[in-house]
Protein backbone atom coordinates (compact mmCIF):
# COMPACT_ATOMS: atom_id res chain seq x y z
CA UNK A 1 0.00 0.00 0.00
CA UNK A 2 1.31 3.45 -0.91
CA UNK A 3 2.08 5.65 2.06
CA UNK A 4 1.45 8.81 0.08
CA UNK A 5 -0.81 10.17 -2.63
CA UNK A 6 0.20 13.00 -4.95
CA UNK A 7 -1.84 16.20 -4.90
CA UNK A 8 -1.13 19.47 -6.65
CA UNK A 9 -1.90 23.16 -6.20
CA UNK A 10 -0.70 26.47 -7.62
CA UNK A 11 2.81 25.88 -6.28
CA UNK A 12 3.16 22.34 -7.63
CA UNK A 13 2.88 18.72 -6.54
CA UNK A 14 3.22 17.47 -2.98
CA UNK A 15 3.05 14.12 -1.21
CA UNK A 16 0.11 13.79 1.19
CA UNK A 17 -0.28 10.80 3.53
CA UNK A 18 -2.66 8.33 1.89
CA UNK A 19 -4.87 8.04 4.97
CA UNK A 20 -5.04 11.79 5.60
CA UNK A 21 -8.35 13.53 5.08
CA UNK A 22 -6.58 16.85 4.65
CA UNK A 23 -4.93 17.67 1.34
CA UNK A 24 -2.12 19.54 -0.37
CA UNK A 25 -2.89 23.02 0.93
CA UNK A 26 -3.06 21.82 4.51
CA UNK A 27 0.21 19.92 4.09
CA UNK A 28 1.88 22.99 2.64
CA UNK A 29 0.63 25.12 5.53
CA UNK A 30 2.04 22.64 8.04
CA UNK A 31 5.43 22.93 6.35
CA UNK A 32 5.30 26.73 6.09
CA UNK A 33 3.96 27.67 9.52
CA UNK A 34 5.97 26.01 12.26
CA UNK A 35 5.31 28.91 14.59
CA UNK A 36 3.60 27.79 17.78
CA UNK A 37 2.53 24.56 19.41
CA UNK A 38 -1.14 25.51 19.14
CA UNK A 39 -2.86 23.70 16.30
CA UNK A 40 -6.39 23.92 15.01
CA UNK A 41 -6.85 20.42 16.45
CA UNK A 42 -6.38 21.89 19.94
CA UNK A 43 -9.64 23.84 19.58
CA UNK A 44 -12.49 21.37 18.88
CA UNK A 45 -15.07 24.14 19.28
CA UNK A 46 -13.44 26.04 16.41
CA UNK A 47 -13.39 22.92 14.21
CA UNK A 48 -17.06 22.35 14.98
CA UNK A 49 -17.89 25.95 14.10
CA UNK A 50 -16.02 25.69 10.78
CA UNK A 51 -17.99 22.57 9.89
CA UNK A 52 -21.25 24.26 10.89
CA UNK A 53 -20.48 27.17 8.57
CA UNK A 54 -19.65 24.78 5.70
CA UNK A 55 -22.86 22.85 6.33
CA UNK A 56 -24.92 26.06 6.27
CA UNK A 57 -23.23 27.10 3.02
CA UNK A 58 -23.78 23.69 1.40
CA UNK A 59 -27.45 23.67 2.44
CA UNK A 60 -27.87 27.15 0.99
CA UNK A 61 -26.18 26.18 -2.26
CA UNK A 62 -28.41 23.13 -2.60
CA UNK A 63 -31.55 25.18 -1.89
CA UNK A 64 -30.67 27.71 -4.61
CA UNK A 65 -29.79 24.85 -6.97
CA UNK A 66 -26.07 25.57 -7.15
CA UNK A 67 -25.19 22.17 -5.69
CA UNK A 68 -26.36 18.73 -6.78
CA UNK A 69 -28.74 17.18 -4.25
CA UNK A 70 -26.91 13.84 -4.03
CA UNK A 71 -23.55 15.53 -3.64
CA UNK A 72 -25.06 17.76 -0.98
CA UNK A 73 -26.19 14.74 1.02
CA UNK A 74 -22.63 13.41 1.12
CA UNK A 75 -21.22 16.80 2.03
CA UNK A 76 -23.89 17.17 4.71
CA UNK A 77 -22.96 13.86 6.31
CA UNK A 78 -19.26 14.71 6.12
CA UNK A 79 -19.95 18.01 7.92
CA UNK A 80 -21.98 16.22 10.58
CA UNK A 81 -19.13 13.73 11.11
CA UNK A 82 -16.69 16.59 11.61
CA UNK A 83 -19.12 18.37 13.95
CA UNK A 84 -19.36 15.12 15.90
CA UNK A 85 -15.59 15.29 16.51
CA UNK A 86 -14.67 12.24 14.46
CA UNK A 87 -11.86 13.98 12.57
CA UNK A 88 -10.33 16.40 15.08
CA UNK A 89 -6.89 14.89 14.49
CA UNK A 90 -7.04 15.92 10.82
CA UNK A 91 -6.51 19.61 11.58
CA UNK A 92 -2.75 20.04 12.02
CA UNK A 93 -2.36 23.66 10.84
CA UNK A 94 -0.78 26.18 13.20
CA UNK A 95 -3.28 28.79 14.36
CA UNK A 96 -0.65 31.49 13.86
CA UNK A 97 -0.25 31.73 10.09
CA UNK A 98 0.03 34.07 7.15
CA UNK A 99 -2.74 34.24 4.58
CA UNK A 100 -5.54 35.69 6.70
CA UNK A 101 -6.84 32.24 7.67
CA UNK A 102 -6.75 30.63 4.20
CA UNK A 103 -4.91 27.59 5.57
CA UNK A 104 -7.61 27.02 8.20
CA UNK A 105 -10.35 27.42 5.58
CA UNK A 106 -8.66 25.00 3.19
CA UNK A 107 -8.03 22.51 5.98
CA UNK A 108 -11.76 22.25 6.70
CA UNK A 109 -12.59 22.27 2.96
CA UNK A 110 -10.20 19.38 2.28
CA UNK A 111 -11.31 17.26 5.24
CA UNK A 112 -14.99 17.62 4.34
CA UNK A 113 -14.31 16.96 0.65
CA UNK A 114 -12.29 13.81 1.32
CA UNK A 115 -14.79 12.49 3.84
CA UNK A 116 -17.58 13.11 1.31
CA UNK A 117 -15.57 11.29 -1.37
CA UNK A 118 -15.15 8.38 1.01
CA UNK A 119 -18.88 8.28 1.67
CA UNK A 120 -19.54 8.25 -2.09
CA UNK A 121 -17.13 5.37 -2.65
CA UNK A 122 -14.27 7.36 -4.16
CA UNK A 123 -10.66 7.63 -3.10
CA UNK A 124 -9.30 10.57 -1.16
CA UNK A 125 -7.97 13.16 -3.54
CA UNK A 126 -10.36 12.39 -6.41
CA UNK A 127 -11.50 15.98 -6.37
CA UNK A 128 -13.19 15.89 -9.76
CA UNK A 129 -16.13 14.30 -7.91
CA UNK A 130 -16.08 16.60 -4.87
CA UNK A 131 -13.72 19.55 -4.80
CA UNK A 132 -12.56 21.48 -1.72
CA UNK A 133 -12.76 24.69 -3.75
CA UNK A 134 -15.57 24.19 -6.25
CA UNK A 135 -18.02 22.43 -3.94
CA UNK A 136 -17.12 22.86 -0.25
CA UNK A 137 -16.07 26.49 -0.74
CA UNK A 138 -18.84 27.27 -3.23
CA UNK A 139 -20.10 30.90 -3.03
CA UNK A 140 -17.60 31.59 -0.26
CA UNK A 141 -14.16 32.97 0.46
CA UNK A 142 -11.82 32.55 3.39
CA UNK A 143 -12.66 36.17 4.10
CA UNK A 144 -16.27 35.44 4.97
CA UNK A 145 -16.22 31.77 6.05
CA UNK A 146 -13.23 32.07 8.40
CA UNK A 147 -14.36 35.09 10.49
CA UNK A 148 -17.92 33.74 10.62
CA UNK A 149 -16.66 30.44 12.05
CA UNK A 150 -14.48 32.34 14.51
CA UNK A 151 -17.51 34.28 15.76
CA UNK A 152 -19.55 31.09 16.13
CA UNK A 153 -16.72 29.43 18.07
CA UNK A 154 -16.18 32.42 20.35
CA UNK A 155 -19.92 32.75 20.98
CA UNK A 156 -19.91 29.12 22.13
CA UNK A 157 -16.66 29.39 24.13
CA UNK A 158 -18.18 32.33 25.98
CA UNK A 159 -20.49 29.92 27.80
CA UNK A 160 -17.56 28.26 29.57
CA UNK A 161 -16.02 31.43 30.93
CA UNK A 162 -19.41 32.93 31.76
CA UNK A 163 -20.39 29.95 33.92
CA UNK A 164 -16.92 29.84 35.51
CA UNK A 165 -17.22 33.48 36.61
CA UNK A 166 -20.83 32.95 37.67
CA UNK A 167 -19.80 30.03 39.90
CA UNK A 168 -16.95 32.06 41.38
CA UNK A 169 -19.36 34.90 42.20
CA UNK A 170 -21.61 32.41 43.96
CA UNK A 171 -18.77 31.06 46.10
CA UNK A 172 -17.59 34.54 47.08
CA UNK A 173 -21.17 35.39 48.04
CA UNK A 174 -21.44 32.23 50.16
CA UNK A 175 -18.21 33.21 51.93
CA UNK A 176 -19.62 36.70 52.42
CA UNK A 177 -22.56 35.24 54.30
CA UNK A 178 -20.29 32.89 56.28
CA UNK A 179 -18.04 35.77 57.35
CA UNK A 180 -20.73 38.42 57.90
CA UNK A 181 -20.33 38.57 61.67
CA UNK A 182 -16.51 38.82 61.69
CA UNK A 183 -15.24 42.35 62.30
CA UNK A 184 -11.93 43.38 60.76
CA UNK A 185 -10.02 46.49 59.78
CA UNK A 186 -10.56 48.00 56.38
CA UNK A 187 -7.40 49.43 54.86
CA UNK A 188 -6.53 52.19 52.42
CA UNK A 189 -3.02 52.63 50.99
CA UNK A 190 -2.04 49.56 53.05
CA UNK A 191 -2.71 51.53 56.24
CA UNK A 192 -5.41 50.98 58.86
CA UNK A 193 -8.61 52.77 57.88
CA UNK A 194 -11.89 51.94 59.60
CA UNK A 195 -13.65 48.72 60.65
CA UNK A 196 -15.77 46.61 58.36
CA UNK A 197 -16.86 42.98 58.30
CA UNK A 198 -15.08 40.27 56.43
CA UNK A 199 -18.47 39.46 54.95
CA UNK A 200 -18.63 42.93 53.40
CA UNK A 201 -15.19 42.41 51.91
CA UNK A 202 -16.08 39.11 50.27
CA UNK A 203 -19.46 40.38 49.08
CA UNK A 204 -17.60 43.23 47.36
CA UNK A 205 -15.47 40.64 45.54
CA UNK A 206 -18.64 38.94 44.35
CA UNK A 207 -20.28 42.18 43.26
CA UNK A 208 -17.33 43.45 41.23
CA UNK A 209 -17.02 40.17 39.31
CA UNK A 210 -20.77 40.07 38.74
CA UNK A 211 -20.52 43.39 36.91
CA UNK A 212 -18.03 41.84 34.49
CA UNK A 213 -20.54 39.15 33.53
CA UNK A 214 -22.76 41.88 32.08
CA UNK A 215 -19.80 43.33 30.16
CA UNK A 216 -18.90 39.95 28.68
CA UNK A 217 -22.49 39.32 27.60
CA UNK A 218 -22.74 42.70 25.90
CA UNK A 219 -19.45 42.16 24.10
CA UNK A 220 -20.54 38.71 22.90
CA UNK A 221 -23.53 40.20 21.09
CA UNK A 222 -21.13 41.72 18.54
CA UNK A 223 -20.32 38.21 17.28
CA UNK A 224 -23.84 37.81 15.87
CA UNK A 225 -23.25 39.97 12.78
CA UNK A 226 -21.71 37.80 10.06
CA UNK A 227 -20.51 38.46 6.52
CA UNK A 228 -21.29 35.16 4.77
CA UNK A 229 -21.95 35.87 1.10
CA UNK A 230 -19.58 38.82 1.07
CA UNK A 231 -16.90 36.51 -0.37
CA UNK A 232 -13.51 38.13 -1.01
CA UNK A 233 -14.00 41.78 -0.02
CA UNK A 234 -17.71 42.10 0.75
CA UNK A 235 -19.03 42.77 -2.76
CA UNK A 236 -20.46 39.24 -3.02
CA UNK A 237 -18.60 38.21 -6.18
CA UNK A 238 -19.41 34.56 -7.10
CA UNK A 239 -22.26 34.36 -4.58
CA UNK A 240 -25.93 34.52 -5.66
CA UNK A 241 -27.84 37.54 -4.40
CA UNK A 242 -30.02 35.48 -2.08
CA UNK A 243 -27.05 33.64 -0.53
CA UNK A 244 -26.27 35.92 2.49
CA UNK A 245 -29.75 35.96 4.04
CA UNK A 246 -30.47 32.29 3.36
CA UNK A 247 -27.05 31.19 4.65
CA UNK A 248 -27.51 33.20 7.86
CA UNK A 249 -30.91 31.59 8.33
CA UNK A 250 -29.47 28.11 7.82
CA UNK A 251 -26.54 28.79 10.13
CA UNK A 252 -28.94 29.91 12.86
CA UNK A 253 -30.94 26.69 12.46
CA UNK A 254 -27.78 24.58 12.65
CA UNK A 255 -26.14 26.33 15.61
CA UNK A 256 -29.08 27.79 17.52
CA UNK A 257 -27.21 31.10 17.51
CA UNK A 258 -29.28 34.09 16.23
CA UNK A 259 -26.78 35.33 13.65
CA UNK A 260 -27.73 37.96 11.10
CA UNK A 261 -26.22 39.49 7.97
CA UNK A 262 -24.05 42.52 8.69
CA UNK A 263 -25.52 45.76 7.37
CA UNK A 264 -22.45 46.54 5.28
CA UNK A 265 -20.55 43.49 4.05
CA UNK A 266 -17.57 45.45 2.81
CA UNK A 267 -17.11 47.10 6.20
CA UNK A 268 -17.75 43.83 8.01
CA UNK A 269 -15.14 41.94 5.98
CA UNK A 270 -12.30 44.17 7.14
CA UNK A 271 -13.63 45.06 10.61
CA UNK A 272 -12.32 43.25 13.69
CA UNK A 273 -13.77 45.51 16.37
CA UNK A 274 -15.96 42.75 17.81
CA UNK A 275 -12.80 40.86 18.80
CA UNK A 276 -11.29 44.01 20.27
CA UNK A 277 -14.41 44.61 22.34
CA UNK A 278 -14.57 41.08 23.73
CA UNK A 279 -10.85 41.09 24.50
CA UNK A 280 -11.30 44.40 26.29
CA UNK A 281 -14.04 42.85 28.43
CA UNK A 282 -11.70 39.96 29.24
CA UNK A 283 -8.98 42.45 30.16
CA UNK A 284 -11.33 44.25 32.56
CA UNK A 285 -12.16 40.92 34.16
CA UNK A 286 -8.46 40.03 34.37
CA UNK A 287 -7.61 43.33 36.07
CA UNK A 288 -10.31 42.85 38.70
CA UNK A 289 -9.49 39.20 39.26
CA UNK A 290 -5.79 39.95 39.66
CA UNK A 291 -6.61 42.66 42.21
CA UNK A 292 -8.70 40.17 44.17
CA UNK A 293 -5.83 37.67 44.12
CA UNK A 294 -3.48 40.40 45.38
CA UNK A 295 -5.89 41.05 48.25
CA UNK A 296 -6.14 37.36 49.11
CA UNK A 297 -2.37 37.05 49.25
CA UNK A 298 -2.11 40.09 51.53
CA UNK A 299 -4.94 39.00 53.82
CA UNK A 300 -3.41 35.53 54.21
CA UNK A 301 0.17 36.77 54.68
CA UNK A 302 2.05 35.35 57.64
CA UNK A 303 1.12 33.08 59.24
CA UNK A 304 2.79 34.74 62.26
CA UNK A 305 4.37 37.91 60.88
CA UNK A 306 1.71 39.08 58.44
CA UNK A 307 -1.98 39.99 58.48
CA UNK A 308 -3.17 36.38 58.71
CA UNK A 309 -6.83 37.40 58.74
CA UNK A 310 -7.65 34.42 56.53
CA UNK A 311 -6.02 31.09 55.83
CA UNK A 312 -5.97 29.75 52.29
CA UNK A 313 -6.11 26.01 51.61
CA UNK A 314 -2.66 24.43 51.74
CA UNK A 315 -2.04 23.05 48.25
CA UNK A 316 1.65 22.12 48.28
CA UNK A 317 4.94 22.59 50.14
CA UNK A 318 6.13 26.13 49.61
CA UNK A 319 9.89 25.90 49.77
CA UNK A 320 12.82 23.62 49.06
CA UNK A 321 14.74 25.17 51.97
CA UNK A 322 12.25 26.60 54.48
CA UNK A 323 10.41 23.83 56.35
CA UNK A 324 6.71 24.33 56.94
CA UNK A 325 6.31 27.18 54.48
CA UNK A 326 3.02 27.23 52.55
CA UNK A 327 2.62 29.64 49.64
CA UNK A 328 -0.58 31.07 48.11
CA UNK A 329 0.12 29.23 44.86
CA UNK A 330 -3.39 29.38 43.41
CA UNK A 331 -3.79 33.17 43.63
CA UNK A 332 -0.23 33.43 42.31
CA UNK A 333 -0.96 31.39 39.21
CA UNK A 334 -4.21 33.25 38.58
CA UNK A 335 -2.29 36.54 38.83
CA UNK A 336 -0.02 35.24 36.07
CA UNK A 337 -2.97 34.16 33.94
CA UNK A 338 -4.35 37.68 34.26
CA UNK A 339 -1.04 39.20 33.19
CA UNK A 340 -1.07 36.99 30.09
CA UNK A 341 -4.64 38.00 29.20
CA UNK A 342 -3.83 41.68 29.67
CA UNK A 343 -0.83 41.27 27.36
CA UNK A 344 -2.93 39.35 24.84
CA UNK A 345 -5.31 42.29 24.70
CA UNK A 346 -2.43 44.48 23.52
CA UNK A 347 -1.66 41.95 20.77
CA UNK A 348 -5.29 41.99 19.63
CA UNK A 349 -5.40 45.78 19.69
CA UNK A 350 -2.29 46.07 17.53
CA UNK A 351 -3.42 43.36 15.12
CA UNK A 352 -6.78 45.05 14.66
CA UNK A 353 -5.10 48.38 13.99
CA UNK A 354 -2.85 46.73 11.38
CA UNK A 355 -5.73 45.98 9.03
CA UNK A 356 -5.41 47.56 5.59
CA UNK A 357 -8.00 48.40 2.97
CA UNK A 358 -10.62 45.64 2.45
CA UNK A 359 -9.18 42.95 4.74
CA UNK A 360 -7.37 42.52 8.03
CA UNK A 361 -4.76 39.85 7.31
CA UNK A 362 -3.79 39.74 10.99
CA UNK A 363 -6.95 37.88 11.99
CA UNK A 364 -5.11 34.59 12.74
CA UNK A 365 -3.16 36.11 15.63
CA UNK A 366 -6.35 37.76 16.88
CA UNK A 367 -8.11 34.39 16.80
CA UNK A 368 -5.30 32.44 18.44
CA UNK A 369 -4.77 35.05 21.14
CA UNK A 370 -8.43 35.57 21.98
CA UNK A 371 -9.17 31.85 22.16
CA UNK A 372 -6.10 31.39 24.34
CA UNK A 373 -7.28 34.17 26.66
CA UNK A 374 -10.71 32.59 27.04
CA UNK A 375 -9.24 29.18 27.83
CA UNK A 376 -6.65 30.54 30.26
CA UNK A 377 -9.19 32.65 32.11
CA UNK A 378 -11.71 29.83 32.28
CA UNK A 379 -9.15 27.39 33.67
CA UNK A 380 -7.73 29.97 36.09
CA UNK A 381 -11.13 30.94 37.44
CA UNK A 382 -12.17 27.32 37.96
CA UNK A 383 -8.90 26.63 39.80
CA UNK A 384 -9.33 29.70 42.00
CA UNK A 385 -12.85 28.68 42.94
CA UNK A 386 -12.17 24.99 43.59
CA UNK A 387 -8.66 25.10 45.04
CA UNK A 388 -8.76 28.36 46.96
CA UNK A 389 -11.98 30.29 47.61
CA UNK A 390 -14.13 27.33 48.65
CA UNK A 391 -11.60 26.37 51.34
CA UNK A 392 -10.79 29.79 52.82
CA UNK A 393 -10.99 29.90 56.62
CA UNK A 394 -11.44 33.16 58.52
CA UNK A 395 -9.14 33.75 61.49
CA UNK A 396 -11.75 35.52 63.59
CA UNK A 397 -9.66 36.19 66.69
CA UNK A 398 -6.76 37.65 64.70
CA UNK A 399 -9.00 39.91 62.62
CA UNK A 400 -10.92 41.24 65.62
CA UNK A 401 -7.82 41.78 67.75
CA UNK A 402 -6.38 43.95 64.98
CA UNK A 403 -9.51 46.08 65.15
CA UNK A 404 -9.27 46.53 68.91
CA UNK A 405 -5.61 47.50 68.74
CA UNK A 406 -5.89 49.73 65.71
CA UNK A 407 -5.41 53.48 65.78
CA UNK A 408 -7.77 53.64 62.81
CA UNK A 409 -10.82 53.45 65.03
CA UNK A 410 -10.13 57.03 66.10
CA UNK A 411 -11.86 58.09 62.86
CA UNK A 412 -15.15 57.20 64.48
CA UNK A 413 -14.50 59.91 67.10
CA UNK A 414 -14.33 62.78 64.58
CA UNK A 415 -18.02 63.78 64.97
CA UNK A 416 -17.70 63.81 68.78
CA UNK A 417 -14.28 65.33 69.60
CA UNK A 418 -13.36 66.94 66.27
CA UNK A 419 -10.75 66.13 63.65
CA UNK A 420 -7.96 68.10 65.36
CA UNK A 421 -8.32 66.33 68.71
CA UNK A 422 -8.76 62.98 66.97
CA UNK A 423 -5.46 63.61 65.16
CA UNK A 424 -3.75 64.42 68.47
CA UNK A 425 -5.06 61.22 70.03
CA UNK A 426 -3.94 59.16 67.01
CA UNK A 427 -0.46 60.69 67.03
CA UNK A 428 0.04 60.15 70.77
CA UNK A 429 -1.25 56.58 70.53
CA UNK A 430 1.24 55.90 67.76
CA UNK A 431 4.17 57.43 69.68
CA UNK A 432 3.42 56.01 73.13
CA UNK A 433 1.89 52.67 72.30
CA UNK A 434 -1.18 53.55 74.36
CA UNK A 435 -4.61 52.68 73.04
CA UNK A 436 -7.06 55.21 71.61
CA UNK A 437 -9.58 54.12 74.21
CA UNK A 438 -7.18 54.77 77.09
CA UNK A 439 -6.14 58.24 75.84
CA UNK A 440 -9.70 59.47 75.32
CA UNK A 441 -10.49 58.58 78.93
CA UNK A 442 -7.27 60.16 80.21
CA UNK A 443 -8.15 63.43 78.49
CA UNK A 444 -11.73 63.12 79.80
CA UNK A 445 -13.07 63.79 76.32
CA UNK A 446 -15.97 61.34 76.64
CA UNK A 447 -17.54 59.23 79.34
CA UNK A 448 -16.66 55.57 79.43
CA UNK A 449 -20.19 54.49 78.57
CA UNK A 450 -20.40 56.89 75.63
CA UNK A 451 -16.96 55.82 74.40
CA UNK A 452 -17.91 52.15 74.63
CA UNK A 453 -20.98 52.86 72.54
CA UNK A 454 -19.09 54.81 69.85
CA UNK A 455 -16.16 52.40 69.58
CA UNK A 456 -18.23 49.27 69.53
CA UNK A 457 -17.02 47.78 66.22
CA UNK A 458 -20.54 46.83 65.25
CA UNK A 459 -21.56 50.49 65.50
CA UNK A 460 -18.88 51.51 63.02
CA UNK A 461 -20.01 49.32 60.13
CA UNK A 462 -22.61 51.65 58.65
CA UNK A 463 -23.70 55.33 58.72
CA UNK A 464 -24.59 56.50 62.22
CA UNK A 465 -26.76 59.32 63.61
CA UNK A 466 -24.59 61.63 65.71
């Protein structure tokens, strides 16, 4: 049995493995783009979306009588097989590539064509009976099929990160309820400020992340406008007039996603602002999540010489030299994930800006980077929830003792003894080591009963009537 078959393209002939469902253009792309270790095969959702777009196009072409009904049935089944994940290993192209995504588009075209040929009883590569270009790519271009598939894939990938953030919000909220009766010091500029509850602190974490869910959902809506039928530059060359609307309708039926034809196909073909907007929403989320992780690391610092208001779950030994040391490794790794996502946003911004005239050829790096960001954030958020937040323990005695010994509680005395006297008390307490409580009594500024009432931590957690 021959190990290779010979296929040809514009450049010439090339050997393709006999059993491969991909063809010459995929093989050439594999040889040309040895850039990263991320292949199309690493993103099954993207492969599925590509096949869904090709199925919608084939159905449209059959309905407008551009594609033979029997051939359509074979192409349809081939698309369904790819959607089912049967051929994920047949997508070896690097996601980072020149050609504005042509290699990805031809990879899916070749796999579907060769699977259809197999279903019809022909050999792989007998493209006169089912061609990657003439049949699978009929009435299309890379420049409409590729970005449409990207939008479908990202719309679907959004569900994973959305639910991961939603679950994290829920866990923070549960911790907020659990810690609602624990008084602690709030801090500004890393200095003692005024008392609050640990429950309020954790509820604030939940609330700030919940706001980002709305941002992500709004950004995802931009993926619904597609440019199928625009072909090369949006003018619709080689596509029947009825193709765009009918293809969008078929794609919605296949995916369940309410896509619609962009209002201006020429603008839509070169525009990548939807990716910029979603990446920006991810960056906002990353900034907030990283800040939360910073807070968790500070609050758990110690265990004897730090704040130690909370204890994070012990996940692994923290040092090769210091016995007994436990590090906050989960917040640390999530910090690093956030840094990567923030950096990826810069890549997407620059790639979007680099578009010229009727096409943005930098879409492959936008796609690779944005999909990477979604996966990294999803995995990081799940790890933070399961391996850190769920197991946090509040050190109630430590937190409340810091409140009692803090100079910051003098702020509560401002309405009663004035800012100037409060400053004097704070300064003397700091210099002498005496407590605020003791100094107020020594200066006979308030009665003991009144002072006890004012400085009761529970009375300092919300606005008070003087």
